[in-house]
Structures are given as structure tokens and as C-alpha cells.
Amino acid sequence: MPIVFAVVLMLANVAASGLPRYQPAGEEAYTLDLELDGYVNGAMEPARMMTVSGCILERDAAYTYSLMVEAAAIDGIRLRHESCYRSYSQQARAYDRRCPITDVPIYRTDETTGDRVQDGTRKMRVCSGPLTAPPGESNHGWGRAVDFRDSRNVLTCYDNEFHWLKLNAARFGWVHPPWAHCGMPNAEPWHWEYAGVIDASLIQFTPPNPTVLATAE
């Protein structure tokens, strides 16, 4: 039986039985398998992709994502996606919106007066708001990242959906990468990635813990 299929069956059984839970081995999206198979970030082949409630993801990520969404619903939590797979062109447009090419003034020091004076401009990208990866460098381009939202906007560190993900996402192979943690300079509570691995020896079993939903303060 292929290892990927074995992992999927194991996850399905875990979701149904509440037995020891799958734990991801990494802290961010696992993409080496896709790279070794010749897939290209932002140009994933349709045959490798699946759609779950309008969220397009790479098929392994999609299956575990569907289990996670179902488990959340059982706990009274509705997980909504804001952004899933992004093609190269979609990522390029997102990058251009966040980091447009802008005329930036160049200054020099006047040798006579010592004053700082403008000496023309140069074009460069100026970014604002949360960081956006250049096209070809985002894990959204592999179909192994999802940006979540709440009923109003993108997910915050104070939403019940976020607290549920913090407590439960890991058992479905989904992680909140360290750079996106609340309190970090580039915190993105809405950004989660699929870190499931193909190597079955990296799957760790831990005793099940009851799901406890922390109420947002």
C-alpha cells in the first residue's frame, strides 16, 4: 500500500475513533515531495489538486483539510477560507498590490551647505501591511497553505476559530509556522500550512487529549 494512502487511511480512522492522533513532524509546509516529483510552485497540475468547499489545495493537503473542517464543525467551529492555492500570476498580483513599484526620492548631502537635498528618484518596491511572498516563493503556490477568516474579516489571535486551530490543527498535519505566531513582527494568525510528511517513520503517536475550546478574550 502506498505510504501516502496509508497515512490518509490512518487519519480517517483517527478522525472517526478519537484514537492517538497524527502529529506533523515539521513546523511549516512540507513541499520536498512535490519538488522531487517535478511540480512547479504556482503551476501545479490540475490532476494533483482537489477542491474542498471552494478551497483548492494539493490533494494530500485537501484530504486532511476536509477532515479538519469536519472535526471543527462537530465542535461548533466553522472554518472559513480566505485564500488557498494561488497560481503564479495570482501570487504576482498579490505581491504587486502589497509591494508596488514606487518612485522613491534619492538624497545627497550638499558639499557646500551640508544640507540634505533630493537628487532625483529611483524605482523600487515599497511594501506595506503583512509580508507577501514574491511569486514562486509562497507555500500557497504549492497548494499547501490556507489563509482563514472569521465571519467578518481575516482571522485574528482572539477568534475562537484561531484557538480551535491552535489546539487541534496539528493532529491533522496542519501547523501555524513560527514566523506567523501571535506576537511576532510579521504575525499572521490566519495563515496555516500543511506539514504532513510522506515518510511513515516520522509519524508520531501521542495520547489523545480532550478538545478544549478556549474562549477568545
C-alpha atoms as a PDB file:
ATOM      1  CA  MET A   1       0.000   0.000   0.000  1.00  0.00           C
ATOM      2  CA  PRO A   2       1.491   3.414  -0.909  1.00  0.00           C
ATOM      3  CA  ILE A   3       2.619   5.349   2.140  1.00  0.00           C
ATOM      4  CA  VAL A   4       0.516   8.392   1.238  1.00  0.00           C
ATOM      5  CA  PHE A   5      -2.623   6.255   1.068  1.00  0.00           C
ATOM      6  CA  ALA A   6      -1.712   4.571   4.356  1.00  0.00           C
ATOM      7  CA  VAL A   7      -1.367   7.966   6.002  1.00  0.00           C
ATOM      8  CA  VAL A   8      -4.758   9.028   4.636  1.00  0.00           C
ATOM      9  CA  LEU A   9      -6.420   5.872   5.957  1.00  0.00           C
ATOM     10  CA  MET A  10      -4.770   6.351   9.326  1.00  0.00           C
ATOM     11  CA  LEU A  11      -6.003   9.935   9.513  1.00  0.00           C
ATOM     12  CA  ALA A  12      -9.524   8.878   8.583  1.00  0.00           C
ATOM     13  CA  ASN A  13      -9.522   6.226  11.298  1.00  0.00           C
ATOM     14  CA  VAL A  14      -8.170   8.707  13.837  1.00  0.00           C
ATOM     15  CA  ALA A  15     -10.877  11.238  12.985  1.00  0.00           C
ATOM     16  CA  ALA A  16     -13.556   8.578  13.388  1.00  0.00           C
ATOM     17  CA  SER A  17     -12.264   6.858  16.515  1.00  0.00           C
ATOM     18  CA  GLY A  18     -10.551   9.510  18.595  1.00  0.00           C
ATOM     19  CA  LEU A  19      -7.530   7.194  18.952  1.00  0.00           C
ATOM     20  CA  PRO A  20      -3.937   8.517  19.192  1.00  0.00           C
ATOM     21  CA  ARG A  21      -3.571  11.486  16.902  1.00  0.00           C
ATOM     22  CA  TYR A  22      -1.322  12.168  13.977  1.00  0.00           C
ATOM     23  CA  GLN A  23       1.364  14.740  14.688  1.00  0.00           C
ATOM     24  CA  PRO A  24       3.224  16.635  11.944  1.00  0.00           C
ATOM     25  CA  ALA A  25       6.991  16.321  12.034  1.00  0.00           C
ATOM     26  CA  GLY A  26       7.680  19.856  10.823  1.00  0.00           C
ATOM     27  CA  GLU A  27       6.733  23.413  11.693  1.00  0.00           C
ATOM     28  CA  GLU A  28       5.925  24.607   8.176  1.00  0.00           C
ATOM     29  CA  ALA A  29       4.637  23.333   4.851  1.00  0.00           C
ATOM     30  CA  TYR A  30       6.220  20.116   3.593  1.00  0.00           C
ATOM     31  CA  THR A  31       6.927  20.527  -0.114  1.00  0.00           C
ATOM     32  CA  LEU A  32      10.002  18.392  -0.848  1.00  0.00           C
ATOM     33  CA  ASP A  33       7.880  15.561  -2.257  1.00  0.00           C
ATOM     34  CA  LEU A  34       6.301  17.943  -4.767  1.00  0.00           C
ATOM     35  CA  GLU A  35       9.656  19.420  -5.763  1.00  0.00           C
ATOM     36  CA  LEU A  36      11.206  15.960  -6.256  1.00  0.00           C
ATOM     37  CA  ASP A  37       8.237  14.923  -8.391  1.00  0.00           C
ATOM     38  CA  GLY A  38       8.866  17.900 -10.679  1.00  0.00           C
ATOM     39  CA  TYR A  39       5.925  20.088  -9.713  1.00  0.00           C
ATOM     40  CA  VAL A  40       6.306  23.843 -10.020  1.00  0.00           C
ATOM     41  CA  ASN A  41       5.233  26.395  -7.428  1.00  0.00           C
ATOM     42  CA  GLY A  42       2.284  28.344  -8.792  1.00  0.00           C
ATOM     43  CA  ALA A  43       1.831  25.989 -11.739  1.00  0.00           C
ATOM     44  CA  MET A  44       0.509  22.857 -10.042  1.00  0.00           C
ATOM     45  CA  GLU A  45      -1.058  20.327 -12.388  1.00  0.00           C
ATOM     46  CA  PRO A  46      -4.868  20.135 -12.072  1.00  0.00           C
ATOM     47  CA  ALA A  47      -4.707  16.353 -11.628  1.00  0.00           C
ATOM     48  CA  ARG A  48      -2.785  16.861  -8.387  1.00  0.00           C
ATOM     49  CA  MET A  49      -5.347  19.330  -6.982  1.00  0.00           C
ATOM     50  CA  MET A  50      -8.667  18.945  -5.195  1.00  0.00           C
ATOM     51  CA  THR A  51     -11.386  21.381  -4.179  1.00  0.00           C
ATOM     52  CA  VAL A  52     -12.951  21.299  -0.703  1.00  0.00           C
ATOM     53  CA  SER A  53     -15.879  23.684  -0.272  1.00  0.00           C
ATOM     54  CA  GLY A  54     -14.371  26.085  -2.776  1.00  0.00           C
ATOM     55  CA  CYS A  55     -10.830  25.835  -1.355  1.00  0.00           C
ATOM     56  CA  ILE A  56      -8.388  24.490  -3.962  1.00  0.00           C
ATOM     57  CA  LEU A  57      -5.478  22.568  -2.436  1.00  0.00           C
ATOM     58  CA  GLU A  58      -2.927  19.907  -3.313  1.00  0.00           C
ATOM     59  CA  ARG A  59      -4.691  16.559  -2.903  1.00  0.00           C
ATOM     60  CA  ASP A  60      -2.929  15.353   0.289  1.00  0.00           C
ATOM     61  CA  ALA A  61      -3.433  18.727   1.954  1.00  0.00           C
ATOM     62  CA  ALA A  62      -7.030  18.821   0.709  1.00  0.00           C
ATOM     63  CA  TYR A  63      -7.936  15.489   2.263  1.00  0.00           C
ATOM     64  CA  THR A  64      -6.585  16.352   5.699  1.00  0.00           C
ATOM     65  CA  TYR A  65      -8.067  19.845   5.411  1.00  0.00           C
ATOM     66  CA  SER A  66     -11.505  18.313   4.818  1.00  0.00           C
ATOM     67  CA  LEU A  67     -11.133  16.150   7.936  1.00  0.00           C
ATOM     68  CA  MET A  68     -10.092  19.175   9.959  1.00  0.00           C
ATOM     69  CA  VAL A  69     -13.029  21.270   8.768  1.00  0.00           C
ATOM     70  CA  GLU A  70     -15.403  18.419   9.613  1.00  0.00           C
ATOM     71  CA  ALA A  71     -13.919  17.989  13.090  1.00  0.00           C
ATOM     72  CA  ALA A  72     -14.190  21.719  13.736  1.00  0.00           C
ATOM     73  CA  ALA A  73     -17.844  21.683  12.710  1.00  0.00           C
ATOM     74  CA  ILE A  74     -18.527  18.901  15.221  1.00  0.00           C
ATOM     75  CA  ASP A  75     -17.068  21.199  17.886  1.00  0.00           C
ATOM     76  CA  GLY A  76     -19.285  24.058  16.752  1.00  0.00           C
ATOM     77  CA  ILE A  77     -16.497  25.882  14.911  1.00  0.00           C
ATOM     78  CA  ARG A  78     -16.882  26.921  11.287  1.00  0.00           C
ATOM     79  CA  LEU A  79     -13.546  27.196   9.494  1.00  0.00           C
ATOM     80  CA  ARG A  80     -13.801  29.562   6.533  1.00  0.00           C
ATOM     81  CA  HIS A  81     -11.035  30.039   3.979  1.00  0.00           C
ATOM     82  CA  GLU A  82      -9.946  33.397   2.643  1.00  0.00           C
ATOM     83  CA  SER A  83      -7.206  32.160   0.290  1.00  0.00           C
ATOM     84  CA  CYS A  84      -5.972  28.689  -0.660  1.00  0.00           C
ATOM     85  CA  TYR A  85      -3.951  27.740  -3.767  1.00  0.00           C
ATOM     86  CA  ARG A  86      -2.565  30.669  -5.717  1.00  0.00           C
ATOM     87  CA  SER A  87      -1.226  30.374  -9.235  1.00  0.00           C
ATOM     88  CA  TYR A  88       1.982  32.182 -10.143  1.00  0.00           C
ATOM     89  CA  SER A  89       0.006  35.037 -11.704  1.00  0.00           C
ATOM     90  CA  GLN A  90      -2.322  35.311  -8.696  1.00  0.00           C
ATOM     91  CA  GLN A  91       0.648  35.488  -6.338  1.00  0.00           C
ATOM     92  CA  ALA A  92       2.298  38.072  -8.591  1.00  0.00           C
ATOM     93  CA  ARG A  93      -0.808  40.265  -8.434  1.00  0.00           C
ATOM     94  CA  ALA A  94      -0.973  39.906  -4.647  1.00  0.00           C
ATOM     95  CA  TYR A  95       2.707  40.816  -4.398  1.00  0.00           C
ATOM     96  CA  ASP A  96       2.290  43.830  -6.668  1.00  0.00           C
ATOM     97  CA  ARG A  97      -0.643  45.096  -4.591  1.00  0.00           C
ATOM     98  CA  ARG A  98       1.259  44.762  -1.327  1.00  0.00           C
ATOM     99  CA  CYS A  99       4.652  45.791  -2.683  1.00  0.00           C
ATOM    100  CA  PRO A 100       4.068  48.185  -5.605  1.00  0.00           C
ATOM    101  CA  ILE A 101       6.945  49.672  -7.582  1.00  0.00           C
ATOM    102  CA  THR A 102       7.204  53.252  -6.354  1.00  0.00           C
ATOM    103  CA  ASP A 103       9.317  56.306  -7.146  1.00  0.00           C
ATOM    104  CA  VAL A 104      11.470  56.772  -4.054  1.00  0.00           C
ATOM    105  CA  PRO A 105      13.443  60.008  -3.591  1.00  0.00           C
ATOM    106  CA  ILE A 106      17.242  59.845  -3.519  1.00  0.00           C
ATOM    107  CA  TYR A 107      19.060  62.286  -1.265  1.00  0.00           C
ATOM    108  CA  ARG A 108      22.619  63.584  -1.121  1.00  0.00           C
ATOM    109  CA  THR A 109      24.484  65.942   1.150  1.00  0.00           C
ATOM    110  CA  ASP A 110      25.315  69.313  -0.361  1.00  0.00           C
ATOM    111  CA  GLU A 111      29.092  69.731  -0.054  1.00  0.00           C
ATOM    112  CA  THR A 112      28.803  73.484   0.390  1.00  0.00           C
ATOM    113  CA  THR A 113      25.958  73.837   2.852  1.00  0.00           C
ATOM    114  CA  GLY A 114      25.913  70.366   4.388  1.00  0.00           C
ATOM    115  CA  ASP A 115      22.180  70.218   3.789  1.00  0.00           C
ATOM    116  CA  ARG A 116      20.432  67.019   2.751  1.00  0.00           C
ATOM    117  CA  VAL A 117      18.882  67.648  -0.638  1.00  0.00           C
ATOM    118  CA  GLN A 118      16.904  65.479  -3.016  1.00  0.00           C
ATOM    119  CA  ASP A 119      18.892  64.288  -6.008  1.00  0.00           C
ATOM    120  CA  GLY A 120      16.278  62.563  -8.164  1.00  0.00           C
ATOM    121  CA  THR A 121      14.297  59.383  -7.641  1.00  0.00           C
ATOM    122  CA  ARG A 122      14.642  55.684  -8.242  1.00  0.00           C
ATOM    123  CA  LYS A 123      12.054  52.978  -8.695  1.00  0.00           C
ATOM    124  CA  MET A 124      11.856  50.284  -6.033  1.00  0.00           C
ATOM    125  CA  ARG A 125       9.281  48.095  -4.361  1.00  0.00           C
ATOM    126  CA  VAL A 126       7.747  49.533  -1.217  1.00  0.00           C
ATOM    127  CA  CYS A 127       5.771  47.052   0.863  1.00  0.00           C
ATOM    128  CA  SER A 128       3.026  47.804   3.352  1.00  0.00           C
ATOM    129  CA  GLY A 129       0.967  45.637   5.649  1.00  0.00           C
ATOM    130  CA  PRO A 130       1.649  41.915   6.262  1.00  0.00           C
ATOM    131  CA  LEU A 131       4.509  40.467   4.231  1.00  0.00           C
ATOM    132  CA  THR A 132       3.619  38.836   0.931  1.00  0.00           C
ATOM    133  CA  ALA A 133       5.996  36.360  -0.695  1.00  0.00           C
ATOM    134  CA  PRO A 134       7.155  37.012  -4.266  1.00  0.00           C
ATOM    135  CA  PRO A 135       5.574  34.758  -6.910  1.00  0.00           C
ATOM    136  CA  GLY A 136       7.070  31.282  -6.885  1.00  0.00           C
ATOM    137  CA  GLU A 137       8.071  31.500  -3.214  1.00  0.00           C
ATOM    138  CA  SER A 138       4.767  31.193  -1.364  1.00  0.00           C
ATOM    139  CA  ASN A 139       3.504  27.885   0.038  1.00  0.00           C
ATOM    140  CA  HIS A 140       0.117  28.892  -1.354  1.00  0.00           C
ATOM    141  CA  GLY A 141       1.727  28.148  -4.724  1.00  0.00           C
ATOM    142  CA  TRP A 142       2.154  24.509  -3.721  1.00  0.00           C
ATOM    143  CA  GLY A 143      -1.463  24.263  -2.605  1.00  0.00           C
ATOM    144  CA  ARG A 144      -0.333  23.562   0.959  1.00  0.00           C
ATOM    145  CA  ALA A 145      -1.326  26.760   2.729  1.00  0.00           C
ATOM    146  CA  VAL A 146      -4.645  28.318   3.709  1.00  0.00           C
ATOM    147  CA  ASP A 147      -5.495  31.781   4.983  1.00  0.00           C
ATOM    148  CA  PHE A 148      -8.540  31.576   7.230  1.00  0.00           C
ATOM    149  CA  ARG A 149     -11.090  34.248   8.067  1.00  0.00           C
ATOM    150  CA  ASP A 150     -13.817  34.704  10.621  1.00  0.00           C
ATOM    151  CA  SER A 151     -17.354  35.885   9.908  1.00  0.00           C
ATOM    152  CA  ARG A 152     -16.123  39.439   9.332  1.00  0.00           C
ATOM    153  CA  ASN A 153     -12.508  39.519   8.168  1.00  0.00           C
ATOM    154  CA  VAL A 154      -9.210  37.642   8.313  1.00  0.00           C
ATOM    155  CA  LEU A 155      -8.642  35.528  11.408  1.00  0.00           C
ATOM    156  CA  THR A 156      -7.174  37.240  14.487  1.00  0.00           C
ATOM    157  CA  CYS A 157      -5.346  35.920  17.542  1.00  0.00           C
ATOM    158  CA  TYR A 158      -8.544  36.431  19.560  1.00  0.00           C
ATOM    159  CA  ASP A 159     -11.001  34.423  17.482  1.00  0.00           C
ATOM    160  CA  ASN A 160     -12.462  31.111  18.635  1.00  0.00           C
ATOM    161  CA  GLU A 161     -11.554  29.646  15.252  1.00  0.00           C
ATOM    162  CA  PHE A 162      -7.896  30.507  15.896  1.00  0.00           C
ATOM    163  CA  HIS A 163      -7.931  28.931  19.362  1.00  0.00           C
ATOM    164  CA  TRP A 164      -9.504  25.772  17.935  1.00  0.00           C
ATOM    165  CA  LEU A 165      -6.793  25.551  15.281  1.00  0.00           C
ATOM    166  CA  LYS A 166      -4.055  26.029  17.883  1.00  0.00           C
ATOM    167  CA  LEU A 167      -5.455  23.125  19.887  1.00  0.00           C
ATOM    168  CA  ASN A 168      -6.407  20.774  17.067  1.00  0.00           C
ATOM    169  CA  ALA A 169      -4.803  21.523  13.697  1.00  0.00           C
ATOM    170  CA  ALA A 170      -1.606  19.558  14.403  1.00  0.00           C
ATOM    171  CA  ARG A 171      -3.463  16.259  14.625  1.00  0.00           C
ATOM    172  CA  PHE A 172      -4.490  16.728  11.002  1.00  0.00           C
ATOM    173  CA  GLY A 173      -0.996  17.667   9.843  1.00  0.00           C
ATOM    174  CA  TRP A 174      -1.648  21.425   9.771  1.00  0.00           C
ATOM    175  CA  VAL A 175       0.610  23.906  11.545  1.00  0.00           C
ATOM    176  CA  HIS A 176       0.939  27.601  12.276  1.00  0.00           C
ATOM    177  CA  PRO A 177       4.523  28.372  11.163  1.00  0.00           C
ATOM    178  CA  PRO A 178       6.704  30.058  13.824  1.00  0.00           C
ATOM    179  CA  TRP A 179       7.162  33.283  11.839  1.00  0.00           C
ATOM    180  CA  ALA A 180       3.365  33.755  11.799  1.00  0.00           C
ATOM    181  CA  HIS A 181       2.830  33.304  15.551  1.00  0.00           C
ATOM    182  CA  CYS A 182       0.992  35.970  17.505  1.00  0.00           C
ATOM    183  CA  GLY A 183       3.475  38.437  18.949  1.00  0.00           C
ATOM    184  CA  MET A 184       5.946  38.020  16.081  1.00  0.00           C
ATOM    185  CA  PRO A 185       6.803  41.093  13.936  1.00  0.00           C
ATOM    186  CA  ASN A 186       5.027  39.567  10.932  1.00  0.00           C
ATOM    187  CA  ALA A 187       2.297  37.729  12.824  1.00  0.00           C
ATOM    188  CA  GLU A 188      -0.358  36.154  10.615  1.00  0.00           C
ATOM    189  CA  PRO A 189      -2.856  34.252  12.779  1.00  0.00           C
ATOM    190  CA  TRP A 190      -4.847  33.473   9.641  1.00  0.00           C
ATOM    191  CA  HIS A 191      -2.016  31.643   7.824  1.00  0.00           C
ATOM    192  CA  TRP A 192      -1.762  27.848   8.296  1.00  0.00           C
ATOM    193  CA  GLU A 193       0.219  25.255   6.363  1.00  0.00           C
ATOM    194  CA  TYR A 194       0.087  21.504   5.696  1.00  0.00           C
ATOM    195  CA  ALA A 195       3.189  19.867   7.181  1.00  0.00           C
ATOM    196  CA  GLY A 196       2.223  16.229   6.768  1.00  0.00           C
ATOM    197  CA  VAL A 197       5.106  14.029   5.632  1.00  0.00           C
ATOM    198  CA  ILE A 198       5.355  11.051   3.286  1.00  0.00           C
ATOM    199  CA  ASP A 199       7.889   9.137   5.419  1.00  0.00           C
ATOM    200  CA  ALA A 200       5.760   6.995   7.729  1.00  0.00           C
ATOM    201  CA  SER A 201       8.658   6.704  10.217  1.00  0.00           C
ATOM    202  CA  LEU A 202       8.184  10.406  11.022  1.00  0.00           C
ATOM    203  CA  ILE A 203       4.584   9.941  12.152  1.00  0.00           C
ATOM    204  CA  GLN A 204       4.410  10.242  15.920  1.00  0.00           C
ATOM    205  CA  PHE A 205       1.561   8.985  18.058  1.00  0.00           C
ATOM    206  CA  THR A 206       0.599  10.735  21.276  1.00  0.00           C
ATOM    207  CA  PRO A 207      -2.170  10.025  23.784  1.00  0.00           C
ATOM    208  CA  PRO A 208      -5.412  11.735  22.791  1.00  0.00           C
ATOM    209  CA  ASN A 209      -6.343  14.903  24.655  1.00  0.00           C
ATOM    210  CA  PRO A 210      -9.910  16.148  25.014  1.00  0.00           C
ATOM    211  CA  THR A 211     -10.695  19.106  22.793  1.00  0.00           C
ATOM    212  CA  VAL A 212     -10.966  22.221  24.920  1.00  0.00           C
ATOM    213  CA  LEU A 213     -12.064  25.378  23.191  1.00  0.00           C
ATOM    214  CA  ALA A 214     -10.508  28.461  24.762  1.00  0.00           C
ATOM    215  CA  THR A 215     -12.944  31.348  24.619  1.00  0.00           C
ATOM    216  CA  ALA A 216     -11.447  34.428  22.987  1.00  0.00           C
ATOM    217  CA  GLU A 217     -10.972  37.279  25.372  1.00  0.00           C
END
